[in-house]
Amino acid sequence: MITNSGFSGGLFDLVLNAGPVAKFVLALLLVFSFVCWAIIFEKWWQLRKTRKETGRFLRAFREGRRHSTLFGAAKKFRESPLARLYIAAYQELAHPHPEGDAFYDDPDEGVLPERLDSVNRAMRKASAVEITRMERALPFLATTASAAPFIGLFGTVWGIMAAFHNIGREGSASLAVVAPGISEALIATAAGLAAAIPAVMGYNYFVNRVKHWATEMENFSLELLNLLERPGPKAARQAKDGL
C-alpha cells in the first residue's frame, strides 16, 4: 500500500513503495520477462546458425561429391537439420557394412529398393528429433504469453483493493488518496503486458520458422530418397544390356 507521504509521482517510487504482494507480482513478471528474452536471443542465434550451415551443406550436396566424402563434411554442420538427416540416412545404409558400402564409394551404384524404407524411417526419426530440438523452450514463451497478463491482472485487482482500503482508512475519496493505489495497480498490468507481448511475438515467429524447417526436411528427405532410388549410369547401362 502506498501512502501520501511515500508517493512522489515517479515510476521508481511507485515500485519502491508498493506493497509486498505488488512487489512479488512485479518480481515474478520480471523473471518471466528475463527468461523470455534469453530464449528469444538464444533461438534467434540458433536459427541463424541453422540457416548458414544448411546453406553450406546444400552447396556441398549439390556439387555431387562422393557420399563418403559428403558424410564427413556433413558431420561438421552440427546445426543443420538437413545435414543430420543425411547423416542418419548414411548410417542406416552403412549399418550392414561396418567397413563401408559400395554405394558410397561409387556413385554409379544404386540402392536396393527394400533398403529405402529403412532409410526413410531413419530420416523421419531424425526429423522428429530435430523438430523437438528446435521447439525446445518454446512452450515457456507460450506459457508467458498466456499467463503474464493474468498475473498482472491479479496485481491490478490487489492494488485496487488496497486503494479502496486506503480510502476507507483515510475517510476521503480525493484524488490524492486514490491515485497512489490505482497507479500501483496499473503498473502490474503494464508489467504483465510488457512480459507477454514479446513472448507471444517470439513464439509465433519461432513456430513459423520451425514449420519452415520441417517442410525443408521433408523436401530434402524426398529428394534424397529419389536420388538413392535412381540408378547411376553404370546400372542403367547394365539394365539396358540385360546384365
Protein backbone atom coordinates (compact mmCIF):
# COMPACT_ATOMS: atom_id res chain seq x y z
CA MET A 1 0.00 0.00 0.00
CA ILE A 2 1.23 3.48 -0.85
CA THR A 3 0.66 6.39 1.46
CA ASN A 4 0.62 10.01 0.52
CA SER A 5 3.92 10.66 2.29
CA GLY A 6 5.68 7.98 0.30
CA PHE A 7 4.39 8.98 -3.11
CA SER A 8 6.37 11.45 -5.19
CA GLY A 9 4.92 10.69 -8.60
CA GLY A 10 7.85 8.78 -10.14
CA LEU A 11 7.65 5.27 -11.55
CA PHE A 12 10.56 4.09 -9.44
CA ASP A 13 8.90 5.48 -6.32
CA LEU A 14 5.71 3.63 -7.16
CA VAL A 15 7.58 0.33 -7.37
CA LEU A 16 9.73 1.07 -4.33
CA ASN A 17 6.75 1.96 -2.16
CA ALA A 18 4.46 -0.77 -3.45
CA GLY A 19 3.06 -3.36 -1.09
CA PRO A 20 4.61 -6.82 -0.68
CA VAL A 21 2.06 -8.50 -2.96
CA ALA A 22 2.62 -5.97 -5.74
CA LYS A 23 6.39 -6.32 -5.37
CA PHE A 24 6.12 -10.10 -5.60
CA VAL A 25 3.98 -9.82 -8.75
CA LEU A 26 6.43 -7.38 -10.35
CA ALA A 27 9.43 -9.54 -9.42
CA LEU A 28 7.75 -12.64 -10.85
CA LEU A 29 6.93 -10.85 -14.10
CA LEU A 30 10.50 -9.54 -14.28
CA VAL A 31 11.82 -13.11 -14.04
CA PHE A 32 9.39 -14.26 -16.75
CA SER A 33 10.43 -11.39 -18.99
CA PHE A 34 14.16 -12.01 -18.46
CA VAL A 35 13.85 -15.72 -19.27
CA CYS A 36 11.73 -14.96 -22.34
CA TRP A 37 14.29 -12.54 -23.74
CA ALA A 38 17.06 -15.06 -23.08
CA ILE A 39 15.09 -17.70 -25.02
CA ILE A 40 14.36 -15.27 -27.85
CA PHE A 41 18.04 -14.35 -28.32
CA GLU A 42 19.16 -17.98 -27.98
CA LYS A 43 16.62 -19.20 -30.56
CA TRP A 44 17.45 -16.36 -32.92
CA TRP A 45 21.13 -17.26 -32.75
CA GLN A 46 20.37 -20.98 -33.18
CA LEU A 47 18.20 -20.41 -36.27
CA ARG A 48 20.80 -18.05 -37.71
CA LYS A 49 23.45 -20.78 -37.45
CA THR A 50 20.96 -23.31 -38.82
CA ARG A 51 20.38 -21.19 -41.91
CA LYS A 52 24.07 -20.59 -42.55
CA GLU A 53 25.22 -24.17 -42.02
CA THR A 54 22.35 -25.57 -44.07
CA GLY A 55 23.34 -23.33 -46.96
CA ARG A 56 26.90 -24.62 -46.80
CA PHE A 57 25.75 -28.23 -46.60
CA LEU A 58 23.42 -27.85 -49.57
CA ARG A 59 26.23 -26.35 -51.65
CA ALA A 60 28.35 -29.41 -50.87
CA PHE A 61 25.41 -31.69 -51.57
CA ARG A 62 24.68 -30.08 -54.96
CA GLU A 63 28.31 -30.49 -56.01
CA GLY A 64 27.70 -34.22 -56.35
CA ARG A 65 30.57 -35.38 -54.18
CA ARG A 66 31.00 -38.99 -53.20
CA HIS A 67 28.73 -39.91 -50.35
CA SER A 68 31.58 -40.96 -48.09
CA THR A 69 33.18 -37.53 -48.59
CA LEU A 70 29.88 -35.71 -48.10
CA PHE A 71 29.25 -37.70 -44.92
CA GLY A 72 32.49 -36.41 -43.44
CA ALA A 73 31.55 -32.86 -44.41
CA ALA A 74 28.00 -33.20 -43.03
CA LYS A 75 29.33 -34.05 -39.56
CA LYS A 76 30.84 -30.55 -39.39
CA PHE A 77 27.43 -28.88 -39.79
CA ARG A 78 26.03 -29.71 -36.37
CA GLU A 79 23.32 -27.03 -36.50
CA SER A 80 21.97 -28.04 -39.92
CA PRO A 81 18.89 -30.31 -39.73
CA LEU A 82 19.39 -31.37 -43.35
CA ALA A 83 22.94 -32.46 -42.62
CA ARG A 84 21.68 -34.51 -39.69
CA LEU A 85 19.11 -36.17 -41.93
CA TYR A 86 21.85 -37.04 -44.40
CA ILE A 87 23.98 -38.49 -41.58
CA ALA A 88 21.03 -40.62 -40.43
CA ALA A 89 20.47 -41.92 -43.98
CA TYR A 90 24.16 -42.67 -44.48
CA GLN A 91 24.47 -44.52 -41.18
CA GLU A 92 21.37 -46.57 -41.95
CA LEU A 93 22.76 -47.61 -45.31
CA ALA A 94 26.22 -48.31 -43.92
CA HIS A 95 24.90 -50.31 -40.95
CA PRO A 96 25.06 -53.76 -42.60
CA HIS A 97 28.58 -52.98 -43.81
CA PRO A 98 30.68 -51.51 -40.98
CA GLU A 99 33.67 -51.18 -43.29
CA GLY A 100 31.72 -49.14 -45.81
CA ASP A 101 29.19 -49.66 -48.58
CA ALA A 102 29.95 -49.79 -52.29
CA PHE A 103 27.26 -47.21 -52.93
CA TYR A 104 29.13 -44.53 -51.02
CA ASP A 105 32.40 -45.15 -52.82
CA ASP A 106 30.96 -45.46 -56.32
CA PRO A 107 28.25 -43.04 -57.43
CA ASP A 108 27.32 -45.41 -60.30
CA GLU A 109 25.91 -47.97 -57.89
CA GLY A 110 22.30 -47.89 -56.77
CA VAL A 111 20.47 -48.74 -53.55
CA LEU A 112 18.28 -51.81 -53.22
CA PRO A 113 14.58 -50.86 -53.06
CA GLU A 114 14.00 -52.87 -49.88
CA ARG A 115 16.57 -50.69 -48.09
CA LEU A 116 14.85 -47.42 -48.98
CA ASP A 117 12.09 -47.99 -46.41
CA SER A 118 14.62 -48.29 -43.60
CA VAL A 119 16.37 -45.15 -44.83
CA ASN A 120 13.05 -43.30 -44.92
CA ARG A 121 12.25 -44.37 -41.34
CA ALA A 122 15.69 -43.30 -40.16
CA MET A 123 15.27 -39.86 -41.71
CA ARG A 124 11.78 -39.46 -40.28
CA LYS A 125 13.11 -40.28 -36.83
CA ALA A 126 15.96 -37.81 -37.28
CA SER A 127 13.48 -35.19 -38.50
CA ALA A 128 11.33 -35.65 -35.37
CA VAL A 129 14.42 -35.26 -33.19
CA GLU A 130 15.41 -32.06 -35.00
CA ILE A 131 11.93 -30.57 -34.68
CA THR A 132 11.91 -31.37 -30.97
CA ARG A 133 15.32 -29.73 -30.62
CA MET A 134 14.19 -26.56 -32.39
CA GLU A 135 10.98 -26.41 -30.35
CA ARG A 136 12.83 -26.69 -27.04
CA ALA A 137 11.95 -23.85 -24.63
CA LEU A 138 9.20 -22.51 -26.92
CA PRO A 139 6.46 -23.73 -24.54
CA PHE A 140 7.83 -21.32 -21.94
CA LEU A 141 7.19 -18.44 -24.35
CA ALA A 142 3.63 -19.68 -24.87
CA THR A 143 3.13 -20.01 -21.12
CA THR A 144 4.41 -16.49 -20.51
CA ALA A 145 2.25 -15.09 -23.31
CA SER A 146 -0.90 -16.59 -21.78
CA ALA A 147 -0.12 -16.32 -18.06
CA ALA A 148 1.67 -12.97 -17.70
CA PRO A 149 -1.41 -10.79 -18.41
CA PHE A 150 -3.37 -12.69 -15.77
CA ILE A 151 -0.57 -12.37 -13.24
CA GLY A 152 -0.51 -8.65 -13.95
CA LEU A 153 -4.31 -8.57 -13.63
CA PHE A 154 -4.02 -10.21 -10.22
CA GLY A 155 -1.62 -7.44 -9.17
CA THR A 156 -4.05 -4.88 -10.54
CA VAL A 157 -7.01 -6.28 -8.63
CA TRP A 158 -4.96 -6.45 -5.45
CA GLY A 159 -3.82 -2.85 -5.92
CA ILE A 160 -7.39 -1.64 -6.41
CA MET A 161 -8.43 -3.48 -3.26
CA ALA A 162 -5.61 -1.75 -1.40
CA ALA A 163 -6.70 1.60 -2.83
CA PHE A 164 -10.27 1.16 -1.58
CA HIS A 165 -8.94 0.07 1.80
CA ASN A 166 -6.87 3.26 1.89
CA ILE A 167 -9.96 5.31 1.05
CA GLY A 168 -11.83 3.76 3.97
CA ARG A 169 -8.93 4.33 6.33
CA GLU A 170 -8.41 7.96 5.32
CA GLY A 171 -12.13 8.67 5.18
CA SER A 172 -11.67 10.55 1.92
CA ALA A 173 -12.07 9.70 -1.77
CA SER A 174 -9.95 12.57 -3.06
CA LEU A 175 -7.55 12.06 -5.95
CA ALA A 176 -4.57 12.40 -3.62
CA VAL A 177 -5.81 9.38 -1.66
CA VAL A 178 -6.89 7.22 -4.61
CA ALA A 179 -4.13 7.94 -7.15
CA PRO A 180 -1.20 6.12 -5.49
CA GLY A 181 -3.11 2.83 -5.12
CA ILE A 182 -4.53 2.98 -8.65
CA SER A 183 -1.08 3.74 -10.05
CA GLU A 184 0.36 0.75 -8.23
CA ALA A 185 -2.39 -1.41 -9.68
CA LEU A 186 -1.82 -0.21 -13.24
CA ILE A 187 1.92 -0.85 -13.01
CA ALA A 188 1.17 -4.55 -12.50
CA THR A 189 -0.99 -4.56 -15.64
CA ALA A 190 1.70 -2.80 -17.66
CA ALA A 191 4.35 -5.24 -16.41
CA GLY A 192 2.19 -8.19 -17.40
CA LEU A 193 1.73 -6.83 -20.91
CA ALA A 194 5.44 -5.99 -21.18
CA ALA A 195 6.28 -9.64 -20.46
CA ALA A 196 3.51 -11.12 -22.62
CA ILE A 197 3.86 -9.10 -25.84
CA PRO A 198 7.48 -10.08 -26.68
CA ALA A 199 6.71 -13.66 -25.64
CA VAL A 200 3.75 -14.05 -27.98
CA MET A 201 5.56 -12.36 -30.86
CA GLY A 202 8.65 -14.50 -30.35
CA TYR A 203 6.59 -17.67 -30.04
CA ASN A 204 4.66 -17.06 -33.25
CA TYR A 205 7.84 -16.21 -35.16
CA PHE A 206 9.80 -19.24 -33.99
CA VAL A 207 6.88 -21.63 -34.50
CA ASN A 208 6.67 -20.45 -38.11
CA ARG A 209 10.41 -20.98 -38.53
CA VAL A 210 10.14 -24.49 -37.12
CA LYS A 211 7.35 -25.23 -39.59
CA HIS A 212 9.57 -23.89 -42.36
CA TRP A 213 12.41 -26.22 -41.41
CA ALA A 214 10.01 -29.14 -41.04
CA THR A 215 8.97 -28.55 -44.64
CA GLU A 216 12.60 -28.23 -45.74
CA MET A 217 13.45 -31.53 -44.06
CA GLU A 218 10.50 -33.24 -45.71
CA ASN A 219 11.53 -31.94 -49.12
CA PHE A 220 15.15 -32.93 -48.59
CA SER A 221 14.13 -36.42 -47.49
CA LEU A 222 12.11 -36.90 -50.67
CA GLU A 223 14.95 -35.55 -52.79
CA LEU A 224 17.48 -37.86 -51.15
CA LEU A 225 15.20 -40.88 -51.47
CA ASN A 226 14.73 -40.12 -55.16
CA LEU A 227 18.48 -39.84 -55.53
CA LEU A 228 19.06 -43.16 -53.81
CA GLU A 229 16.36 -44.85 -55.84
CA ARG A 230 17.68 -43.55 -59.15
CA PRO A 231 20.29 -45.89 -60.75
CA GLY A 232 23.63 -44.47 -61.80
CA PRO A 233 24.95 -44.53 -65.36
CA LYS A 234 26.62 -47.92 -64.89
CA ALA A 235 23.47 -49.54 -63.52
CA ALA A 236 21.40 -48.02 -66.32
CA ARG A 237 23.72 -49.42 -68.96
CA GLN A 238 23.69 -52.86 -67.36
CA ALA A 239 19.89 -52.88 -67.26
CA LYS A 240 19.76 -51.84 -70.90
CA ASP A 241 22.18 -54.61 -71.92
CA GLY A 242 20.27 -57.17 -69.88
CA LEU A 243 23.15 -57.81 -67.46
